[in-house]
Amino acid sequence: MSQQAPPPNPAQVQNIDRSWTTTKIVSIIVAIVTGGYMLPWCIAAIRDVRHWSVFWVNLLLGWTIIGWIIALIMALRSQRLVVNGR
């Protein structure tokens, strides 16, 4: 004679909601935003504009929106023209 498992207690059964919750939406937004976090440094590196100073400003102060904007301005400013002395 085999014993059957007792039926589950309704109080212990959890309803798993697989719909789009606020946490899921926020996590997607954060993933997109953090993808653009180091964008000023990327622009500076491509344009060869003092990219290491932009990197440090962006890394250390980019979490403040003002620091990120400053890094972006540093990356977008005009390049210095170096003339060879001949």
PDB file of N, CA and C in Angstrom:
ATOM      1  N   MET A   1       0.831  -1.162   0.000  1.00  0.00           N
ATOM      2  CA  MET A   1       0.000   0.000   0.000  1.00  0.00           C
ATOM      3  C   MET A   1       0.890   1.244   0.000  1.00  0.00           C
ATOM      4  N   SER A   2       0.779   2.099  -1.009  1.00  0.00           N
ATOM      5  CA  SER A   2       1.621   3.286  -1.094  1.00  0.00           C
ATOM      6  C   SER A   2       0.884   4.487  -0.509  1.00  0.00           C
ATOM      7  N   GLN A   3       1.684   5.335   0.068  1.00  0.00           N
ATOM      8  CA  GLN A   3       1.095   6.531   0.667  1.00  0.00           C
ATOM      9  C   GLN A   3       1.077   7.655  -0.353  1.00  0.00           C
ATOM     10  N   GLN A   4      -0.003   8.378  -0.370  1.00  0.00           N
ATOM     11  CA  GLN A   4      -0.119   9.513  -1.272  1.00  0.00           C
ATOM     12  C   GLN A   4       0.300  10.778  -0.533  1.00  0.00           C
ATOM     13  N   ALA A   5       0.876  11.704  -1.280  1.00  0.00           N
ATOM     14  CA  ALA A   5       1.259  12.982  -0.675  1.00  0.00           C
ATOM     15  C   ALA A   5      -0.009  13.743  -0.318  1.00  0.00           C
ATOM     16  N   PRO A   6       0.022  14.433   0.800  1.00  0.00           N
ATOM     17  CA  PRO A   6      -1.164  15.195   1.182  1.00  0.00           C
ATOM     18  C   PRO A   6      -1.395  16.332   0.193  1.00  0.00           C
ATOM     19  N   PRO A   7      -2.646  16.720  -0.004  1.00  0.00           N
ATOM     20  CA  PRO A   7      -2.916  17.818  -0.937  1.00  0.00           C
ATOM     21  C   PRO A   7      -2.270  19.102  -0.434  1.00  0.00           C
ATOM     22  N   PRO A   8      -1.847  19.957  -1.362  1.00  0.00           N
ATOM     23  CA  PRO A   8      -1.181  21.192  -0.925  1.00  0.00           C
ATOM     24  C   PRO A   8      -2.130  22.088  -0.151  1.00  0.00           C
ATOM     25  N   ASN A   9      -1.573  22.718   0.856  1.00  0.00           N
ATOM     26  CA  ASN A   9      -2.330  23.663   1.676  1.00  0.00           C
ATOM     27  C   ASN A   9      -2.523  24.934   0.854  1.00  0.00           C
ATOM     28  N   PRO A  10      -3.753  25.411   0.656  1.00  0.00           N
ATOM     29  CA  PRO A  10      -3.971  26.616  -0.149  1.00  0.00           C
ATOM     30  C   PRO A  10      -3.220  27.838   0.374  1.00  0.00           C
ATOM     31  N   ALA A  11      -2.926  27.879   1.648  1.00  0.00           N
ATOM     32  CA  ALA A  11      -2.199  29.017   2.206  1.00  0.00           C
ATOM     33  C   ALA A  11      -0.738  29.000   1.776  1.00  0.00           C
ATOM     34  N   GLN A  12      -0.222  27.826   1.413  1.00  0.00           N
ATOM     35  CA  GLN A  12       1.189  27.716   1.036  1.00  0.00           C
ATOM     36  C   GLN A  12       1.404  27.853  -0.472  1.00  0.00           C
ATOM     37  N   VAL A  13       0.366  27.781  -1.254  1.00  0.00           N
ATOM     38  CA  VAL A  13       0.487  27.892  -2.703  1.00  0.00           C
ATOM     39  C   VAL A  13       0.634  29.366  -3.065  1.00  0.00           C
ATOM     40  N   GLN A  14       1.686  29.672  -3.808  1.00  0.00           N
ATOM     41  CA  GLN A  14       1.930  31.055  -4.200  1.00  0.00           C
ATOM     42  C   GLN A  14       1.537  31.253  -5.651  1.00  0.00           C
ATOM     43  N   ASN A  15       0.892  32.351  -5.896  1.00  0.00           N
ATOM     44  CA  ASN A  15       0.523  32.705  -7.253  1.00  0.00           C
ATOM     45  C   ASN A  15       1.696  33.443  -7.885  1.00  0.00           C
ATOM     46  N   ILE A  16       2.320  32.854  -8.895  1.00  0.00           N
ATOM     47  CA  ILE A  16       3.468  33.464  -9.558  1.00  0.00           C
ATOM     48  C   ILE A  16       2.954  34.300 -10.711  1.00  0.00           C
ATOM     49  N   ASP A  17       3.174  35.604 -10.623  1.00  0.00           N
ATOM     50  CA  ASP A  17       2.722  36.524 -11.656  1.00  0.00           C
ATOM     51  C   ASP A  17       3.838  36.701 -12.671  1.00  0.00           C
ATOM     52  N   ARG A  18       3.604  36.288 -13.878  1.00  0.00           N
ATOM     53  CA  ARG A  18       4.620  36.383 -14.922  1.00  0.00           C
ATOM     54  C   ARG A  18       4.408  37.605 -15.822  1.00  0.00           C
ATOM     55  N   SER A  19       3.573  38.518 -15.422  1.00  0.00           N
ATOM     56  CA  SER A  19       3.309  39.702 -16.234  1.00  0.00           C
ATOM     57  C   SER A  19       4.432  40.723 -16.051  1.00  0.00           C
ATOM     58  N   TRP A  20       4.346  41.796 -16.824  1.00  0.00           N
ATOM     59  CA  TRP A  20       5.337  42.857 -16.732  1.00  0.00           C
ATOM     60  C   TRP A  20       5.095  43.644 -15.456  1.00  0.00           C
ATOM     61  N   THR A  21       6.007  43.521 -14.524  1.00  0.00           N
ATOM     62  CA  THR A  21       5.897  44.246 -13.269  1.00  0.00           C
ATOM     63  C   THR A  21       6.741  45.508 -13.345  1.00  0.00           C
ATOM     64  N   THR A  22       6.567  46.362 -12.373  1.00  0.00           N
ATOM     65  CA  THR A  22       7.351  47.596 -12.315  1.00  0.00           C
ATOM     66  C   THR A  22       8.841  47.288 -12.252  1.00  0.00           C
ATOM     67  N   THR A  23       9.223  46.256 -11.505  1.00  0.00           N
ATOM     68  CA  THR A  23      10.638  45.902 -11.379  1.00  0.00           C
ATOM     69  C   THR A  23      11.234  45.519 -12.729  1.00  0.00           C
ATOM     70  N   LYS A  24      10.489  44.790 -13.513  1.00  0.00           N
ATOM     71  CA  LYS A  24      11.006  44.381 -14.823  1.00  0.00           C
ATOM     72  C   LYS A  24      11.171  45.578 -15.741  1.00  0.00           C
ATOM     73  N   ILE A  25      10.214  46.479 -15.731  1.00  0.00           N
ATOM     74  CA  ILE A  25      10.293  47.665 -16.586  1.00  0.00           C
ATOM     75  C   ILE A  25      11.451  48.556 -16.156  1.00  0.00           C
ATOM     76  N   VAL A  26      11.604  48.755 -14.844  1.00  0.00           N
ATOM     77  CA  VAL A  26      12.705  49.577 -14.328  1.00  0.00           C
ATOM     78  C   VAL A  26      14.046  48.940 -14.668  1.00  0.00           C
ATOM     79  N   SER A  27      14.146  47.626 -14.581  1.00  0.00           N
ATOM     80  CA  SER A  27      15.423  46.968 -14.891  1.00  0.00           C
ATOM     81  C   SER A  27      15.802  47.147 -16.356  1.00  0.00           C
ATOM     82  N   ILE A  28      14.826  47.144 -17.247  1.00  0.00           N
ATOM     83  CA  ILE A  28      15.110  47.372 -18.662  1.00  0.00           C
ATOM     84  C   ILE A  28      15.567  48.805 -18.887  1.00  0.00           C
ATOM     85  N   ILE A  29      14.905  49.760 -18.244  1.00  0.00           N
ATOM     86  CA  ILE A  29      15.287  51.168 -18.379  1.00  0.00           C
ATOM     87  C   ILE A  29      16.690  51.392 -17.840  1.00  0.00           C
ATOM     88  N   VAL A  30      17.020  50.796 -16.695  1.00  0.00           N
ATOM     89  CA  VAL A  30      18.357  50.948 -16.114  1.00  0.00           C
ATOM     90  C   VAL A  30      19.414  50.343 -17.033  1.00  0.00           C
ATOM     91  N   ALA A  31      19.113  49.221 -17.649  1.00  0.00           N
ATOM     92  CA  ALA A  31      20.068  48.596 -18.572  1.00  0.00           C
ATOM     93  C   ALA A  31      20.344  49.494 -19.770  1.00  0.00           C
ATOM     94  N   ILE A  32      19.313  50.132 -20.290  1.00  0.00           N
ATOM     95  CA  ILE A  32      19.499  51.035 -21.433  1.00  0.00           C
ATOM     96  C   ILE A  32      20.281  52.268 -21.022  1.00  0.00           C
ATOM     97  N   VAL A  33      19.945  52.845 -19.860  1.00  0.00           N
ATOM     98  CA  VAL A  33      20.618  54.062 -19.397  1.00  0.00           C
ATOM     99  C   VAL A  33      22.086  53.788 -19.092  1.00  0.00           C
ATOM    100  N   THR A  34      22.392  52.681 -18.447  1.00  0.00           N
ATOM    101  CA  THR A  34      23.791  52.396 -18.129  1.00  0.00           C
ATOM    102  C   THR A  34      24.598  52.092 -19.382  1.00  0.00           C
ATOM    103  N   GLY A  35      23.928  51.689 -20.428  1.00  0.00           N
ATOM    104  CA  GLY A  35      24.624  51.493 -21.696  1.00  0.00           C
ATOM    105  C   GLY A  35      25.164  52.800 -22.247  1.00  0.00           C
ATOM    106  N   GLY A  36      24.519  53.920 -21.942  1.00  0.00           N
ATOM    107  CA  GLY A  36      24.956  55.232 -22.394  1.00  0.00           C
ATOM    108  C   GLY A  36      25.789  55.983 -21.380  1.00  0.00           C
ATOM    109  N   TYR A  37      26.067  55.360 -20.248  1.00  0.00           N
ATOM    110  CA  TYR A  37      26.790  56.045 -19.180  1.00  0.00           C
ATOM    111  C   TYR A  37      28.179  56.495 -19.623  1.00  0.00           C
ATOM    112  N   MET A  38      28.917  55.657 -20.291  1.00  0.00           N
ATOM    113  CA  MET A  38      30.281  55.986 -20.706  1.00  0.00           C
ATOM    114  C   MET A  38      30.338  56.520 -22.140  1.00  0.00           C
ATOM    115  N   LEU A  39      29.215  56.963 -22.656  1.00  0.00           N
ATOM    116  CA  LEU A  39      29.162  57.509 -24.007  1.00  0.00           C
ATOM    117  C   LEU A  39      30.095  58.705 -24.212  1.00  0.00           C
ATOM    118  N   PRO A  40      30.189  59.673 -23.271  1.00  0.00           N
ATOM    119  CA  PRO A  40      31.130  60.786 -23.489  1.00  0.00           C
ATOM    120  C   PRO A  40      32.574  60.325 -23.677  1.00  0.00           C
ATOM    121  N   TRP A  41      32.989  59.336 -22.906  1.00  0.00           N
ATOM    122  CA  TRP A  41      34.352  58.829 -23.041  1.00  0.00           C
ATOM    123  C   TRP A  41      34.543  58.161 -24.398  1.00  0.00           C
ATOM    124  N   CYS A  42      33.532  57.434 -24.854  1.00  0.00           N
ATOM    125  CA  CYS A  42      33.608  56.795 -26.166  1.00  0.00           C
ATOM    126  C   CYS A  42      33.757  57.839 -27.268  1.00  0.00           C
ATOM    127  N   ILE A  43      32.987  58.908 -27.186  1.00  0.00           N
ATOM    128  CA  ILE A  43      33.063  59.986 -28.181  1.00  0.00           C
ATOM    129  C   ILE A  43      34.438  60.635 -28.148  1.00  0.00           C
ATOM    130  N   ALA A  44      34.954  60.888 -26.940  1.00  0.00           N
ATOM    131  CA  ALA A  44      36.273  61.518 -26.818  1.00  0.00           C
ATOM    132  C   ALA A  44      37.374  60.616 -27.375  1.00  0.00           C
ATOM    133  N   ALA A  45      37.281  59.322 -27.124  1.00  0.00           N
ATOM    134  CA  ALA A  45      38.299  58.394 -27.623  1.00  0.00           C
ATOM    135  C   ALA A  45      38.275  58.328 -29.145  1.00  0.00           C
ATOM    136  N   ILE A  46      37.092  58.356 -29.719  1.00  0.00           N
ATOM    137  CA  ILE A  46      36.989  58.313 -31.183  1.00  0.00           C
ATOM    138  C   ILE A  46      37.530  59.598 -31.800  1.00  0.00           C
ATOM    139  N   ARG A  47      37.284  60.739 -31.145  1.00  0.00           N
ATOM    140  CA  ARG A  47      37.709  62.027 -31.693  1.00  0.00           C
ATOM    141  C   ARG A  47      39.136  62.400 -31.263  1.00  0.00           C
ATOM    142  N   ASP A  48      39.798  61.605 -30.439  1.00  0.00           N
ATOM    143  CA  ASP A  48      41.140  61.887 -29.903  1.00  0.00           C
ATOM    144  C   ASP A  48      41.186  63.215 -29.157  1.00  0.00           C
ATOM    145  N   VAL A  49      40.202  63.452 -28.315  1.00  0.00           N
ATOM    146  CA  VAL A  49      40.137  64.680 -27.522  1.00  0.00           C
ATOM    147  C   VAL A  49      40.395  64.318 -26.070  1.00  0.00           C
ATOM    148  N   ARG A  50      41.606  64.460 -25.607  1.00  0.00           N
ATOM    149  CA  ARG A  50      41.976  64.219 -24.205  1.00  0.00           C
ATOM    150  C   ARG A  50      41.060  63.190 -23.548  1.00  0.00           C
ATOM    151  N   HIS A  51      40.989  62.020 -24.116  1.00  0.00           N
ATOM    152  CA  HIS A  51      39.996  61.040 -23.683  1.00  0.00           C
ATOM    153  C   HIS A  51      40.219  60.511 -22.279  1.00  0.00           C
ATOM    154  N   TRP A  52      41.441  60.582 -21.744  1.00  0.00           N
ATOM    155  CA  TRP A  52      41.639  60.073 -20.380  1.00  0.00           C
ATOM    156  C   TRP A  52      41.072  61.029 -19.339  1.00  0.00           C
ATOM    157  N   SER A  53      41.144  62.321 -19.592  1.00  0.00           N
ATOM    158  CA  SER A  53      40.519  63.248 -18.648  1.00  0.00           C
ATOM    159  C   SER A  53      38.995  63.125 -18.705  1.00  0.00           C
ATOM    160  N   VAL A  54      38.460  62.912 -19.907  1.00  0.00           N
ATOM    161  CA  VAL A  54      37.016  62.695 -20.044  1.00  0.00           C
ATOM    162  C   VAL A  54      36.622  61.390 -19.353  1.00  0.00           C
ATOM    163  N   PHE A  55      37.456  60.372 -19.476  1.00  0.00           N
ATOM    164  CA  PHE A  55      37.186  59.092 -18.825  1.00  0.00           C
ATOM    165  C   PHE A  55      37.034  59.254 -17.313  1.00  0.00           C
ATOM    166  N   TRP A  56      37.989  59.949 -16.686  1.00  0.00           N
ATOM    167  CA  TRP A  56      37.948  60.074 -15.224  1.00  0.00           C
ATOM    168  C   TRP A  56      36.790  60.952 -14.753  1.00  0.00           C
ATOM    169  N   VAL A  57      36.515  62.031 -15.469  1.00  0.00           N
ATOM    170  CA  VAL A  57      35.368  62.876 -15.105  1.00  0.00           C
ATOM    171  C   VAL A  57      34.082  62.069 -15.242  1.00  0.00           C
ATOM    172  N   ASN A  58      33.980  61.343 -16.329  1.00  0.00           N
ATOM    173  CA  ASN A  58      32.782  60.551 -16.569  1.00  0.00           C
ATOM    174  C   ASN A  58      32.629  59.428 -15.549  1.00  0.00           C
ATOM    175  N   LEU A  59      33.709  58.739 -15.238  1.00  0.00           N
ATOM    176  CA  LEU A  59      33.644  57.620 -14.305  1.00  0.00           C
ATOM    177  C   LEU A  59      33.309  58.077 -12.894  1.00  0.00           C
ATOM    178  N   LEU A  60      33.979  59.162 -12.453  1.00  0.00           N
ATOM    179  CA  LEU A  60      33.819  59.581 -11.061  1.00  0.00           C
ATOM    180  C   LEU A  60      32.637  60.517 -10.837  1.00  0.00           C
ATOM    181  N   LEU A  61      32.294  61.330 -11.833  1.00  0.00           N
ATOM    182  CA  LEU A  61      31.220  62.308 -11.635  1.00  0.00           C
ATOM    183  C   LEU A  61      30.029  62.082 -12.558  1.00  0.00           C
ATOM    184  N   GLY A  62      30.103  61.086 -13.417  1.00  0.00           N
ATOM    185  CA  GLY A  62      29.032  60.855 -14.376  1.00  0.00           C
ATOM    186  C   GLY A  62      27.713  60.459 -13.741  1.00  0.00           C
ATOM    187  N   TRP A  63      27.764  59.926 -12.538  1.00  0.00           N
ATOM    188  CA  TRP A  63      26.527  59.533 -11.859  1.00  0.00           C
ATOM    189  C   TRP A  63      25.679  60.750 -11.502  1.00  0.00           C
ATOM    190  N   THR A  64      26.335  61.910 -11.374  1.00  0.00           N
ATOM    191  CA  THR A  64      25.552  63.137 -11.253  1.00  0.00           C
ATOM    192  C   THR A  64      25.292  63.571 -12.684  1.00  0.00           C
ATOM    193  N   ILE A  65      24.145  63.989 -12.971  1.00  0.00           N
ATOM    194  CA  ILE A  65      23.815  64.336 -14.359  1.00  0.00           C
ATOM    195  C   ILE A  65      24.708  65.473 -14.836  1.00  0.00           C
ATOM    196  N   ILE A  66      25.025  66.397 -13.955  1.00  0.00           N
ATOM    197  CA  ILE A  66      25.884  67.527 -14.329  1.00  0.00           C
ATOM    198  C   ILE A  66      27.278  67.031 -14.720  1.00  0.00           C
ATOM    199  N   GLY A  67      27.817  66.066 -13.976  1.00  0.00           N
ATOM    200  CA  GLY A  67      29.128  65.501 -14.309  1.00  0.00           C
ATOM    201  C   GLY A  67      29.122  64.820 -15.664  1.00  0.00           C
ATOM    202  N   TRP A  68      28.026  64.147 -15.986  1.00  0.00           N
ATOM    203  CA  TRP A  68      27.916  63.484 -17.280  1.00  0.00           C
ATOM    204  C   TRP A  68      27.863  64.519 -18.397  1.00  0.00           C
ATOM    205  N   ILE A  69      27.131  65.599 -18.180  1.00  0.00           N
ATOM    206  CA  ILE A  69      27.024  66.654 -19.195  1.00  0.00           C
ATOM    207  C   ILE A  69      28.375  67.340 -19.389  1.00  0.00           C
ATOM    208  N   ILE A  70      29.098  67.576 -18.291  1.00  0.00           N
ATOM    209  CA  ILE A  70      30.438  68.178 -18.393  1.00  0.00           C
ATOM    210  C   ILE A  70      31.359  67.268 -19.203  1.00  0.00           C
ATOM    211  N   ALA A  71      31.318  65.973 -18.934  1.00  0.00           N
ATOM    212  CA  ALA A  71      32.147  65.029 -19.691  1.00  0.00           C
ATOM    213  C   ALA A  71      31.763  65.030 -21.170  1.00  0.00           C
ATOM    214  N   LEU A  72      30.479  65.130 -21.447  1.00  0.00           N
ATOM    215  CA  LEU A  72      30.026  65.172 -22.837  1.00  0.00           C
ATOM    216  C   LEU A  72      30.506  66.445 -23.536  1.00  0.00           C
ATOM    217  N   ILE A  73      30.443  67.571 -22.834  1.00  0.00           N
ATOM    218  CA  ILE A  73      30.933  68.836 -23.402  1.00  0.00           C
ATOM    219  C   ILE A  73      32.435  68.748 -23.662  1.00  0.00           C
ATOM    220  N   MET A  74      33.171  68.149 -22.705  1.00  0.00           N
ATOM    221  CA  MET A  74      34.611  67.974 -22.903  1.00  0.00           C
ATOM    222  C   MET A  74      34.892  67.115 -24.136  1.00  0.00           C
ATOM    223  N   ALA A  75      34.073  66.098 -24.353  1.00  0.00           N
ATOM    224  CA  ALA A  75      34.285  65.195 -25.488  1.00  0.00           C
ATOM    225  C   ALA A  75      33.935  65.851 -26.817  1.00  0.00           C
ATOM    226  N   LEU A  76      32.984  66.791 -26.786  1.00  0.00           N
ATOM    227  CA  LEU A  76      32.511  67.393 -28.040  1.00  0.00           C
ATOM    228  C   LEU A  76      33.199  68.704 -28.394  1.00  0.00           C
ATOM    229  N   ARG A  77      34.024  69.215 -27.503  1.00  0.00           N
ATOM    230  CA  ARG A  77      34.667  70.501 -27.819  1.00  0.00           C
ATOM    231  C   ARG A  77      35.615  70.338 -29.002  1.00  0.00           C
ATOM    232  N   SER A  78      35.949  71.460 -29.607  1.00  0.00           N
ATOM    233  CA  SER A  78      36.773  71.406 -30.814  1.00  0.00           C
ATOM    234  C   SER A  78      38.181  70.907 -30.489  1.00  0.00           C
ATOM    235  N   GLN A  79      38.752  70.238 -31.430  1.00  0.00           N
ATOM    236  CA  GLN A  79      40.096  69.699 -31.265  1.00  0.00           C
ATOM    237  C   GLN A  79      41.124  70.784 -31.515  1.00  0.00           C
ATOM    238  N   ARG A  80      42.249  70.620 -30.838  1.00  0.00           N
ATOM    239  CA  ARG A  80      43.357  71.545 -31.073  1.00  0.00           C
ATOM    240  C   ARG A  80      44.098  71.137 -32.330  1.00  0.00           C
ATOM    241  N   LEU A  81      44.442  72.128 -33.115  1.00  0.00           N
ATOM    242  CA  LEU A  81      45.177  71.857 -34.344  1.00  0.00           C
ATOM    243  C   LEU A  81      46.668  71.959 -34.020  1.00  0.00           C
ATOM    244  N   VAL A  82      47.380  70.883 -34.245  1.00  0.00           N
ATOM    245  CA  VAL A  82      48.809  70.861 -33.995  1.00  0.00           C
ATOM    246  C   VAL A  82      49.520  71.068 -35.332  1.00  0.00           C
ATOM    247  N   VAL A  83      50.298  72.143 -35.399  1.00  0.00           N
ATOM    248  CA  VAL A  83      51.025  72.463 -36.632  1.00  0.00           C
ATOM    249  C   VAL A  83      52.479  72.078 -36.441  1.00  0.00           C
ATOM    250  N   ASN A  84      52.983  71.334 -37.392  1.00  0.00           N
ATOM    251  CA  ASN A  84      54.382  70.917 -37.345  1.00  0.00           C
ATOM    252  C   ASN A  84      55.256  72.103 -37.720  1.00  0.00           C
ATOM    253  N   GLY A  85      56.283  72.418 -36.939  1.00  0.00           N
ATOM    254  CA  GLY A  85      57.115  73.601 -37.163  1.00  0.00           C
ATOM    255  C   GLY A  85      58.107  73.446 -38.296  1.00  0.00           C
ATOM    256  N   ARG A  86      57.684  73.497 -39.509  1.00  0.00           N
ATOM    257  CA  ARG A  86      58.599  73.438 -40.667  1.00  0.00           C
ATOM    258  C   ARG A  86      58.602  74.711 -41.401  1.00  0.00           C
TER     259      ARG A  86
END
